[in-house]
Protein backbone atom coordinates (compact mmCIF):
# COMPACT_ATOMS: atom_id res chain seq x y z
CA MET A 1 -0.02 -0.16 -0.02
CA THR A 2 1.00 3.31 -0.23
CA GLU A 3 2.90 5.66 2.56
CA THR A 4 1.32 8.15 4.26
CA PRO A 5 3.16 10.96 6.17
CA LYS A 6 1.59 12.50 8.88
CA MET A 7 -1.54 14.14 7.71
CA LYS A 8 -2.71 17.49 8.78
CA LYS A 9 -6.31 17.37 10.56
CA GLN A 10 -9.05 16.99 7.64
CA THR A 11 -12.33 18.83 7.11
CA SER A 12 -15.03 16.10 7.06
CA LEU A 13 -17.27 16.50 4.35
CA SER A 14 -21.00 16.89 4.52
CA LEU A 15 -23.95 15.00 3.43
CA TRP A 16 -24.80 18.66 0.72
CA THR A 17 -20.88 18.75 0.05
CA LEU A 18 -20.85 15.06 -1.32
CA VAL A 19 -24.24 15.94 -2.79
CA MET A 20 -22.44 18.64 -4.78
CA LEU A 21 -18.94 16.89 -5.29
CA ILE A 22 -20.55 14.17 -7.27
CA PHE A 23 -23.89 16.44 -9.07
CA VAL A 24 -20.62 18.74 -10.16
CA PRO A 25 -18.88 16.43 -12.34
CA THR A 26 -21.89 14.30 -13.26
CA PHE A 27 -24.37 16.44 -14.84
CA GLY A 28 -23.63 19.03 -17.71
CA PHE A 29 -25.92 21.26 -19.45
CA ASN A 30 -24.04 20.96 -22.73
CA ASN A 31 -25.19 16.97 -22.77
CA ILE A 32 -28.99 18.14 -22.59
CA THR A 33 -28.61 20.08 -25.75
CA THR A 34 -25.68 18.18 -27.76
CA ASN A 35 -28.51 15.27 -27.40
CA GLY A 36 -31.74 17.65 -27.94
CA VAL A 37 -30.13 18.21 -31.81
CA ALA A 38 -29.24 14.53 -32.09
CA LEU A 39 -32.38 13.10 -30.53
CA GLY A 40 -35.27 15.94 -30.54
CA PRO A 41 -38.05 15.11 -28.33
CA ALA A 42 -36.62 11.69 -28.01
CA ALA A 43 -34.09 12.77 -25.97
CA VAL A 44 -36.73 12.81 -23.21
CA PRO A 45 -37.92 9.59 -23.04
CA SER A 46 -34.37 8.12 -23.48
CA TRP A 47 -32.88 10.07 -20.62
CA LEU A 48 -35.60 8.57 -18.56
CA LEU A 49 -35.03 5.12 -19.83
CA VAL A 50 -31.14 5.46 -19.01
CA GLY A 51 -31.74 7.01 -15.17
CA ILE A 52 -34.06 3.90 -14.77
CA PHE A 53 -32.43 0.93 -16.48
CA TYR A 54 -28.47 2.32 -16.32
CA PHE A 55 -27.86 5.11 -13.82
CA LEU A 56 -29.84 4.20 -10.86
CA PRO A 57 -28.74 0.82 -10.80
CA LEU A 58 -25.08 2.14 -11.27
CA THR A 59 -25.70 4.11 -8.22
CA ALA A 60 -27.25 1.56 -6.08
CA ILE A 61 -24.02 -0.95 -6.78
CA ILE A 62 -21.99 1.90 -6.36
CA ALA A 63 -23.34 2.97 -2.95
CA GLU A 64 -23.37 -1.04 -1.36
CA LEU A 65 -19.94 -1.35 -2.94
CA ALA A 66 -19.16 1.66 -0.92
CA SER A 67 -20.42 1.15 1.82
CA ALA A 68 -19.10 -2.14 2.82
CA ASN A 69 -15.36 -0.78 2.33
CA GLN A 70 -16.06 2.89 3.62
CA HIS A 71 -12.50 2.51 5.60
CA LYS A 72 -10.87 2.79 2.69
CA GLY A 73 -9.53 5.17 0.28
CA GLY A 74 -9.27 4.04 -3.11
CA GLY A 75 -13.02 4.44 -4.80
CA ILE A 76 -13.71 1.62 -8.04
CA TYR A 77 -10.02 0.14 -7.26
CA SER A 78 -11.23 -1.05 -3.20
CA TRP A 79 -14.61 -2.00 -4.27
CA ILE A 80 -13.42 -4.00 -7.22
CA ALA A 81 -10.41 -5.40 -5.02
CA PHE A 82 -12.46 -6.58 -2.38
CA SER A 83 -14.64 -8.81 -4.55
CA LEU A 84 -12.44 -10.07 -7.25
CA GLY A 85 -8.68 -9.51 -6.01
CA HIS A 86 -5.93 -6.71 -7.36
CA ARG A 87 -5.79 -7.69 -10.68
CA TRP A 88 -9.21 -6.82 -11.91
CA ALA A 89 -9.14 -3.99 -9.70
CA PHE A 90 -5.66 -2.70 -11.44
CA PHE A 91 -7.67 -3.33 -15.06
CA GLY A 92 -10.67 -1.47 -14.58
CA THR A 93 -8.94 1.45 -12.28
CA TRP A 94 -6.05 1.74 -15.01
CA SER A 95 -8.83 1.78 -17.58
CA TYR A 96 -10.79 4.43 -15.82
CA PHE A 97 -7.91 6.39 -15.44
CA ILE A 98 -6.37 6.46 -18.92
CA ALA A 99 -9.59 7.56 -20.35
CA ASN A 100 -9.63 10.95 -17.98
CA LEU A 101 -6.17 10.93 -18.73
CA PHE A 102 -7.20 11.93 -22.54
CA TYR A 103 -10.08 13.59 -21.56
CA LEU A 104 -8.29 16.08 -19.98
CA GLN A 105 -6.38 17.68 -22.69
CA PHE A 106 -9.80 18.69 -24.28
CA VAL A 107 -11.34 20.28 -21.19
CA PHE A 108 -9.36 23.03 -20.59
CA ALA A 109 -10.23 24.45 -23.72
CA ARG A 110 -13.86 24.47 -22.57
CA LEU A 111 -12.63 27.18 -19.94
CA PRO A 112 -11.54 30.34 -21.99
CA VAL A 113 -14.85 30.06 -24.13
CA MET A 114 -16.99 29.91 -21.04
CA ALA A 115 -15.28 33.52 -19.67
CA SER A 116 -15.43 34.72 -23.11
CA TRP A 117 -19.30 34.29 -22.63
CA ALA A 118 -19.36 35.66 -18.84
CA LEU A 119 -17.28 38.63 -19.93
CA PHE A 120 -18.09 39.59 -23.06
CA GLY A 121 -21.80 37.63 -23.98
CA GLU A 122 -20.39 35.78 -26.88
CA ASN A 123 -17.41 33.47 -27.79
CA ARG A 124 -14.58 35.30 -28.82
CA PHE A 125 -12.21 32.60 -29.70
CA GLY A 126 -13.48 32.21 -33.58
CA ASP A 127 -11.48 31.06 -36.30
CA GLU A 128 -8.62 33.92 -35.92
CA ASN A 129 -7.94 33.19 -32.34
CA VAL A 130 -8.72 29.59 -31.64
CA MET A 131 -4.97 28.72 -31.75
CA LEU A 132 -4.92 31.02 -28.47
CA LEU A 133 -6.50 27.98 -26.66
CA PRO A 134 -3.96 25.71 -25.95
CA TYR A 135 -1.95 28.42 -24.39
CA PHE A 136 -4.89 28.94 -21.88
CA SER A 137 -5.31 25.53 -21.66
CA ILE A 138 -1.72 25.23 -20.30
CA VAL A 139 -2.22 27.47 -18.07
CA LEU A 140 -5.15 26.44 -16.55
CA CYS A 141 -3.99 22.67 -16.49
CA LEU A 142 -0.64 23.78 -14.08
CA ALA A 143 -3.01 25.96 -12.36
CA LEU A 144 -5.91 23.38 -11.52
CA THR A 145 -3.43 21.09 -10.51
CA TRP A 146 -2.06 23.34 -7.94
CA VAL A 147 -5.91 23.67 -6.53
CA ALA A 148 -6.17 19.82 -6.84
CA THR A 149 -2.65 19.21 -4.28
CA ARG A 150 -4.57 21.35 -1.48
CA GLY A 151 -6.55 18.41 -0.56
CA VAL A 152 -10.48 17.90 -1.29
CA GLY A 153 -11.23 20.01 2.10
CA GLN A 154 -10.71 23.07 -0.11
CA PHE A 155 -11.79 22.08 -3.54
CA SER A 156 -14.96 20.66 -1.90
CA LYS A 157 -15.89 23.96 -1.03
CA LEU A 158 -15.77 25.05 -4.71
CA SER A 159 -18.04 22.25 -6.00
CA SER A 160 -20.76 22.97 -2.77
CA LEU A 161 -20.46 26.54 -4.39
CA GLY A 162 -20.46 25.87 -7.92
CA GLY A 163 -23.07 23.07 -7.77
CA LYS A 164 -25.32 25.33 -6.24
CA PHE A 165 -25.24 27.94 -7.79
CA THR A 166 -25.59 25.09 -10.93
CA PHE A 167 -28.69 23.53 -9.56
CA LEU A 168 -30.06 26.88 -9.21
CA ALA A 169 -29.46 28.48 -12.66
CA THR A 170 -30.95 24.71 -14.27
CA GLY A 171 -33.87 25.00 -12.15
CA LEU A 172 -34.38 28.18 -12.97
CA PHE A 173 -34.13 27.31 -17.02
CA ILE A 174 -36.91 24.66 -16.35
CA VAL A 175 -39.42 26.66 -14.61
CA PHE A 176 -39.20 29.80 -16.96
CA ALA A 177 -39.53 28.04 -19.97
CA PHE A 178 -42.79 25.59 -18.70
CA MET A 179 -44.13 29.19 -17.28
CA GLY A 180 -43.52 30.79 -20.60
CA TYR A 181 -45.04 27.37 -22.44
CA PHE A 182 -48.24 27.77 -19.99
CA ARG A 183 -48.83 31.67 -20.36
CA GLY A 184 -48.99 30.86 -24.21
CA THR A 185 -45.73 30.92 -26.01
CA PRO A 186 -46.28 27.90 -27.99
CA SER A 187 -43.27 25.24 -27.63
CA ALA A 188 -40.30 25.53 -30.66
CA THR A 189 -40.25 21.62 -30.92
CA GLU A 190 -43.30 20.11 -32.64
CA TRP A 191 -44.29 17.39 -29.62
CA THR A 192 -45.71 14.02 -32.12
CA ARG A 193 -46.21 10.57 -31.39
CA GLU A 194 -43.33 10.18 -34.08
CA THR A 195 -41.11 12.76 -32.75
CA VAL A 196 -40.99 11.34 -29.20
CA ILE A 197 -41.13 7.84 -29.66
CA PRO A 198 -37.50 7.24 -30.82
CA ASP A 199 -37.07 5.35 -34.45
CA PHE A 200 -34.75 3.00 -33.16
CA SER A 201 -32.24 2.97 -35.60
CA SER A 202 -28.48 2.36 -35.79
CA SER A 203 -28.09 6.22 -35.25
CA TYR A 204 -30.33 6.13 -32.11
CA PHE A 205 -28.57 3.28 -30.16
CA ALA A 206 -25.12 5.03 -31.42
CA THR A 207 -26.52 8.37 -29.39
CA PHE A 208 -28.55 6.06 -26.77
CA SER A 209 -24.97 4.53 -25.82
CA TRP A 210 -23.30 7.67 -25.23
CA LEU A 211 -25.88 8.75 -23.12
CA LEU A 212 -24.78 6.21 -21.06
CA PHE A 213 -21.89 7.53 -20.50
CA ALA A 214 -23.24 11.00 -19.78
CA VAL A 215 -24.45 10.03 -16.78
CA ALA A 216 -21.23 8.56 -15.34
CA GLY A 217 -19.54 9.93 -12.46
CA ALA A 218 -21.23 8.55 -8.75
CA GLU A 219 -18.22 6.71 -8.14
CA VAL A 220 -15.62 9.96 -7.92
CA ALA A 221 -16.70 10.39 -4.59
CA GLY A 222 -15.49 7.09 -3.49
CA THR A 223 -12.35 7.89 -3.07
CA TYR A 224 -13.22 10.80 -0.18
CA ILE A 225 -15.78 8.38 1.50
CA HIS A 226 -13.27 7.99 4.49
CA LYS A 227 -13.59 12.08 4.78
CA VAL A 228 -17.52 12.19 5.02
CA GLU A 229 -19.27 12.59 7.98
CA HIS A 230 -21.18 9.85 9.24
CA PRO A 231 -19.85 7.54 5.88
CA THR A 232 -22.26 4.52 6.98
CA ARG A 233 -25.30 6.89 7.13
CA ASN A 234 -24.57 9.67 4.75
CA PHE A 235 -22.11 8.40 1.48
CA PRO A 236 -24.95 5.85 0.35
CA ARG A 237 -27.50 8.39 1.06
CA GLY A 238 -25.35 11.52 -0.82
CA VAL A 239 -25.18 9.16 -3.65
CA LEU A 240 -28.59 8.64 -4.02
CA ILE A 241 -29.72 12.11 -3.73
CA ALA A 242 -27.29 13.30 -6.30
CA THR A 243 -28.45 10.56 -8.64
CA MET A 244 -31.85 12.29 -8.12
CA LEU A 245 -30.89 15.35 -8.70
CA VAL A 246 -28.53 14.91 -11.89
CA GLY A 247 -31.56 12.19 -13.71
CA PHE A 248 -34.46 15.23 -12.86
CA ALA A 249 -32.10 17.69 -14.31
CA TYR A 250 -31.52 15.91 -17.64
CA ILE A 251 -35.25 14.46 -17.74
CA ALA A 252 -36.81 18.04 -16.79
CA GLY A 253 -33.85 19.79 -18.55
CA SER A 254 -34.41 18.40 -21.72
CA LEU A 255 -37.87 18.69 -22.14
CA ALA A 256 -37.54 22.51 -21.36
CA VAL A 257 -34.86 23.01 -23.96
CA SER A 258 -37.28 21.76 -26.17
CA LEU A 259 -40.15 24.01 -25.68
CA VAL A 260 -37.19 26.78 -26.09
CA ALA A 261 -35.15 26.05 -28.80
CA SER A 262 -36.08 23.36 -32.16
CA PRO A 263 -33.16 20.62 -32.86
CA GLU A 264 -32.69 22.82 -35.98
CA ALA A 265 -32.21 25.82 -34.06
CA LEU A 266 -29.99 24.25 -31.59
CA ASN A 267 -27.42 22.72 -34.56
CA ASN A 268 -27.55 26.18 -35.93
CA ALA A 269 -26.13 27.55 -32.75
CA GLY A 270 -22.96 25.20 -32.80
CA LEU A 271 -22.76 22.09 -30.47
CA LYS A 272 -20.16 24.32 -28.43
CA ASP A 273 -22.59 27.47 -28.25
CA ALA A 274 -26.14 26.13 -28.10
CA ASN A 275 -26.29 25.63 -24.05
CA TYR A 276 -25.34 29.39 -23.77
CA MET A 277 -28.07 30.10 -26.69
CA VAL A 278 -31.40 28.43 -25.19
CA TYR A 279 -30.61 31.21 -22.35
CA LEU A 280 -30.59 33.64 -24.40
CA MET A 281 -33.66 32.72 -26.24
CA LEU A 282 -34.95 31.78 -23.22
CA ALA A 283 -34.43 35.26 -21.45
CA GLU A 284 -35.38 37.30 -24.60
CA SER A 285 -38.81 35.84 -24.46
CA TRP A 286 -39.23 36.82 -21.62
CA GLY A 287 -38.28 40.35 -22.62
CA ILE A 288 -34.91 40.31 -20.28
CA SER A 289 -31.74 41.09 -21.84
CA GLY A 290 -30.46 37.81 -22.94
CA LYS A 291 -26.51 39.07 -22.94
CA VAL A 292 -27.14 39.65 -19.61
CA VAL A 293 -28.47 36.45 -18.54
CA VAL A 294 -26.38 34.60 -20.86
CA GLN A 295 -23.34 35.72 -18.80
CA LEU A 296 -24.51 35.62 -15.80
CA TYR A 297 -25.42 31.71 -16.67
CA SER A 298 -21.75 31.64 -18.30
CA ALA A 299 -19.93 33.04 -15.33
CA ILE A 300 -21.88 30.16 -13.07
CA LEU A 301 -20.49 27.15 -15.43
CA LEU A 302 -16.97 28.71 -15.56
CA VAL A 303 -17.05 28.35 -11.90
CA THR A 304 -18.42 24.86 -12.03
CA SER A 305 -16.48 23.66 -14.46
CA ILE A 306 -13.50 24.52 -12.80
CA ALA A 307 -14.49 22.85 -9.54
CA ALA A 308 -15.67 19.72 -11.67
CA TYR A 309 -12.63 19.49 -13.61
CA VAL A 310 -10.36 19.46 -10.31
CA VAL A 311 -12.29 16.66 -9.16
CA TRP A 312 -11.66 14.98 -12.64
CA ILE A 313 -7.58 15.79 -11.96
CA GLU A 314 -7.54 14.10 -8.25
CA SER A 315 -10.17 11.49 -7.85
CA PRO A 316 -8.99 9.35 -10.85
CA ILE A 317 -5.63 9.77 -9.33
CA ARG A 318 -6.40 9.03 -6.04
CA ALA A 319 -8.22 5.96 -7.13
CA MET A 320 -5.36 4.37 -9.27
CA PHE A 321 -2.55 5.13 -6.48
CA ALA A 322 -4.34 4.54 -3.03
CA GLU A 323 -4.78 1.17 -2.57
CA VAL A 324 -2.57 -0.46 -4.91
CA PRO A 325 0.12 -3.16 -4.02
CA PRO A 326 3.92 -2.22 -3.64
CA ASN A 327 5.85 -2.44 -6.76
CA THR A 328 3.02 -1.72 -9.06
CA PHE A 329 4.09 1.71 -9.70
CA PRO A 330 7.21 3.70 -8.83
CA LYS A 331 7.19 5.11 -5.00
CA PHE A 332 7.62 8.45 -6.01
CA LEU A 333 4.51 8.25 -7.72
CA THR A 334 2.31 6.50 -4.51
CA VAL A 335 3.54 8.57 -1.36
CA ARG A 336 1.48 11.49 -0.18
CA ASP A 337 2.24 14.81 1.50
CA GLU A 338 0.42 16.51 4.94
CA GLU A 339 -2.73 17.08 2.80
CA ASP A 340 -3.30 13.85 2.05
CA SER A 341 -2.61 14.70 -1.60
CA PHE A 342 -0.80 12.45 -4.16
CA PHE A 343 1.27 15.54 -4.93
CA ASN A 344 3.63 13.99 -7.16
CA ALA A 345 1.73 11.99 -9.11
CA LEU A 346 -0.97 14.97 -9.90
CA TRP A 347 2.13 17.20 -10.71
CA THR A 348 2.80 13.95 -13.38
CA GLN A 349 -0.04 13.45 -14.60
CA ALA A 350 -0.20 17.39 -15.52
CA GLY A 351 3.32 17.19 -17.25
CA VAL A 352 1.62 14.51 -19.78
CA VAL A 353 -1.05 16.26 -20.54
CA VAL A 354 0.69 19.39 -20.81
CA VAL A 355 2.75 17.53 -23.43
CA LEU A 356 -0.61 16.35 -25.26
CA ILE A 357 -1.44 19.91 -25.23
CA ALA A 358 1.42 21.23 -26.77
CA ILE A 359 2.14 18.70 -29.36
CA PRO A 360 0.04 20.84 -32.09
CA LEU A 361 1.68 23.97 -30.84
CA ILE A 362 5.31 22.74 -31.91
CA GLY A 363 4.30 21.88 -35.39
CA LEU A 364 5.04 17.74 -34.95
CA THR A 365 1.78 17.10 -36.51
CA SER A 366 2.68 13.34 -36.59
CA ILE A 367 2.69 12.97 -33.44
CA ASP A 368 0.09 14.78 -32.59
CA ALA A 369 -1.89 13.04 -35.29
CA PHE A 370 -0.52 9.83 -33.22
CA PHE A 371 -2.02 11.71 -29.71
CA ARG A 372 -4.73 11.90 -31.49
CA LEU A 373 -5.18 8.30 -32.39
CA LEU A 374 -4.29 7.24 -28.83
CA THR A 375 -6.81 9.75 -27.69
CA ASP A 376 -9.63 7.67 -29.74
CA LEU A 377 -8.86 4.42 -28.69
CA SER A 378 -9.28 5.39 -25.34
CA ALA A 379 -12.81 6.78 -25.67
CA LEU A 380 -14.49 3.59 -24.76
CA SER A 381 -12.28 3.00 -21.89
CA LEU A 382 -14.21 4.28 -19.75
CA VAL A 383 -17.08 1.95 -19.84
CA ILE A 384 -14.82 -0.81 -18.85
CA PRO A 385 -14.63 0.04 -15.02
CA TYR A 386 -18.39 -0.12 -14.68
CA ILE A 387 -18.69 -3.53 -16.23
CA ILE A 388 -16.22 -5.49 -13.76
CA LEU A 389 -17.69 -2.81 -11.15
CA ALA A 390 -20.83 -4.74 -12.05
CA VAL A 391 -19.16 -8.08 -11.66
CA ALA A 392 -17.45 -7.78 -8.44
CA PHE A 393 -21.20 -6.16 -6.78
CA LEU A 394 -22.22 -9.69 -8.05
CA VAL A 395 -19.79 -11.79 -6.52
CA PHE A 396 -19.52 -9.74 -3.42
CA ARG A 397 -23.52 -10.39 -2.93
CA LEU A 398 -23.00 -14.30 -3.41
CA ASN A 399 -20.09 -14.51 -1.09
CA HIS A 400 -20.33 -11.90 1.52
CA PRO A 401 -22.66 -10.86 4.20
CA PRO A 402 -24.29 -7.26 2.80
CA GLY A 403 -22.67 -4.18 4.29
CA PRO A 404 -23.88 -1.67 6.32
CA PHE A 405 -25.72 0.02 3.88
CA THR A 406 -28.31 -2.49 1.49
CA MET A 407 -30.24 -1.09 -1.14
CA MET A 408 -31.19 -4.15 -2.76
CA ARG A 409 -32.56 -7.09 0.23
CA SER A 410 -33.30 -9.81 -2.13
CA ASN A 411 -29.62 -11.47 -3.58
CA LYS A 412 -31.94 -12.47 -6.53
CA LEU A 413 -32.83 -8.59 -7.21
CA ALA A 414 -29.04 -7.56 -6.44
CA ALA A 415 -27.90 -10.31 -9.42
CA THR A 416 -30.65 -9.36 -11.72
CA VAL A 417 -29.38 -5.35 -11.40
CA ALA A 418 -25.90 -6.34 -11.56
CA LEU A 419 -26.20 -8.80 -14.69
CA MET A 420 -28.63 -5.84 -16.35
CA THR A 421 -25.95 -3.15 -16.01
CA VAL A 422 -23.30 -5.74 -17.55
CA LEU A 423 -25.37 -6.71 -20.37
CA ILE A 424 -26.02 -2.81 -20.80
CA SER A 425 -22.63 -1.93 -20.16
CA VAL A 426 -21.72 -4.41 -23.07
CA ALA A 427 -24.31 -3.14 -25.27
CA GLY A 428 -23.41 0.69 -25.00
CA PHE A 429 -19.60 -0.28 -25.70
CA PHE A 430 -20.46 -1.68 -29.08
CA GLY A 431 -23.41 0.43 -29.85
CA ALA A 432 -21.50 3.76 -29.39
CA GLY A 433 -19.44 3.01 -32.39
CA ILE A 434 -22.02 1.06 -34.66
CA ASP A 435 -22.20 4.43 -36.63
CA TYR A 436 -18.69 4.56 -37.99
CA TYR A 437 -19.15 1.09 -38.85
CA VAL A 438 -22.30 1.41 -40.71
CA ASP A 439 -21.41 4.67 -42.24
CA ALA A 440 -17.86 3.22 -43.41
CA GLU A 441 -17.74 3.06 -47.52
CA THR A 442 -15.43 0.40 -47.67
CA SER A 443 -14.74 -3.16 -46.10
CA ALA A 444 -10.92 -1.19 -45.09
CA GLU A 445 -13.05 1.66 -43.38
CA ALA A 446 -15.23 -0.67 -41.52
CA ALA A 447 -12.56 -2.65 -40.23
CA GLN A 448 -10.44 0.55 -39.21
CA ALA A 449 -13.59 1.94 -37.53
CA ILE A 450 -13.97 -1.45 -35.81
CA LEU A 451 -10.21 -1.32 -34.91
CA MET A 452 -10.31 2.39 -33.36
CA THR A 453 -13.25 2.06 -31.83
CA TYR A 454 -13.37 -1.43 -29.84
CA GLY A 455 -9.48 -2.33 -30.21
CA GLY A 456 -8.55 0.44 -28.14
CA PRO A 457 -9.40 -0.81 -24.69
CA ILE A 458 -8.06 -3.96 -25.03
CA LEU A 459 -4.64 -2.41 -26.20
CA LEU A 460 -4.56 0.31 -23.33
CA ILE A 461 -5.08 -2.69 -20.58
CA ALA A 462 -2.46 -4.37 -22.26
CA LEU A 463 -0.28 -1.63 -21.90
CA GLY A 464 -0.98 -1.51 -18.51
CA TYR A 465 -0.58 -5.24 -17.32
CA GLY A 466 2.77 -4.43 -19.57
CA LEU A 467 4.19 -1.99 -17.77
CA THR A 468 3.24 -3.08 -14.05
CA HIS A 469 4.65 -6.88 -14.98
CA PHE A 470 7.98 -4.83 -16.24
CA ARG A 471 7.87 -3.06 -12.94
CA ARG A 472 7.63 -6.53 -10.82
CA SER A 473 9.96 -8.05 -12.42
CA ALA A 474 12.55 -5.28 -12.43
């Protein structure tokens, strides 16, 4: 296990802080507008199906496994290792860690755009200024990594503040969209049986598969369970409350967005700017300055996104290094400082991300293409931990006594939920790339699409296993 120096007294996380620590990195209003373009009114029942048949069962699995391992700080690593052993825990957590590592190189470019909307009421990073984004991204990567090293007691306060404002902004959007409709403003979207019921085409299944990953995030707080006040009671409760809030926000938010803007209007606004434009359109329908409302929303989104990205910087690191056996990684990466922070691992991760961001700036197009290939290969790696986690839960329920918190009293029900989660995860894994295969014009393009989409996670797991095997045999 990792060596831990004498820690400073840590601030306990309250129930509401825990809820916001989960809500902030999980919920994204842009997911509503993106899927509003892809699915139209059919997004509403789709979010409902995802919430009932995937998000809630997965959350119940996380809550029970976390309850049974409440004194461990490795999150998903600890939960999987408890049932399936360290090898499967490593496979699951390495996939989780790698997917987030390549995700981070892109997310920092979003913050300057949010700041532009907040300051000017528009996106000023057009074609002529887009090359400035990597420079801002590098600065932000370093700055937010520093925030992450300050400990969860510090950045959880930012999550709590941002979460409250985000929930308020989303709630006001939903309320005013419905009020406008009931006062006589016609719906911007045509609601018919044909538009609401999904067409169940390959394109729909591909989009639906990505919806599964949009609700992922309840596991991020697992690495902080030992810091939660009354963890036996508050952690499962916090996970479930956050799940309900996220599910409600996606379902009601999708319905509200459909009332304000048609799929065509969202598409014309562009995927990067549609979530800002719907606030502008709603405000102007009420005779309020759309620019001011968008600036306020963007400022809230900026604070919340900073908090979310800090969590995504810190939590996967803690999951990867907190509970691994000695000699799995160099000791340099597994030591913790007095803030209980993996200081060295965080800055090592920041160095890797900075390199990934900087490659295009120095003109190494072939290397840039290589890293973009790695990013494509890692995209679906995020689903692997959920498959392994569901199997770990099934083994746990069949071979161990229930933990302090048990949501599913019957082992038969627990087994059904676990198997359903595995099957949906597997279906989502293959469904997410189905469009690439269907749209391919030649068999060579189809084979390349299959290799890029589905071969990546296997390659990355093999790479991780090879690295640890080399380390242990050295």
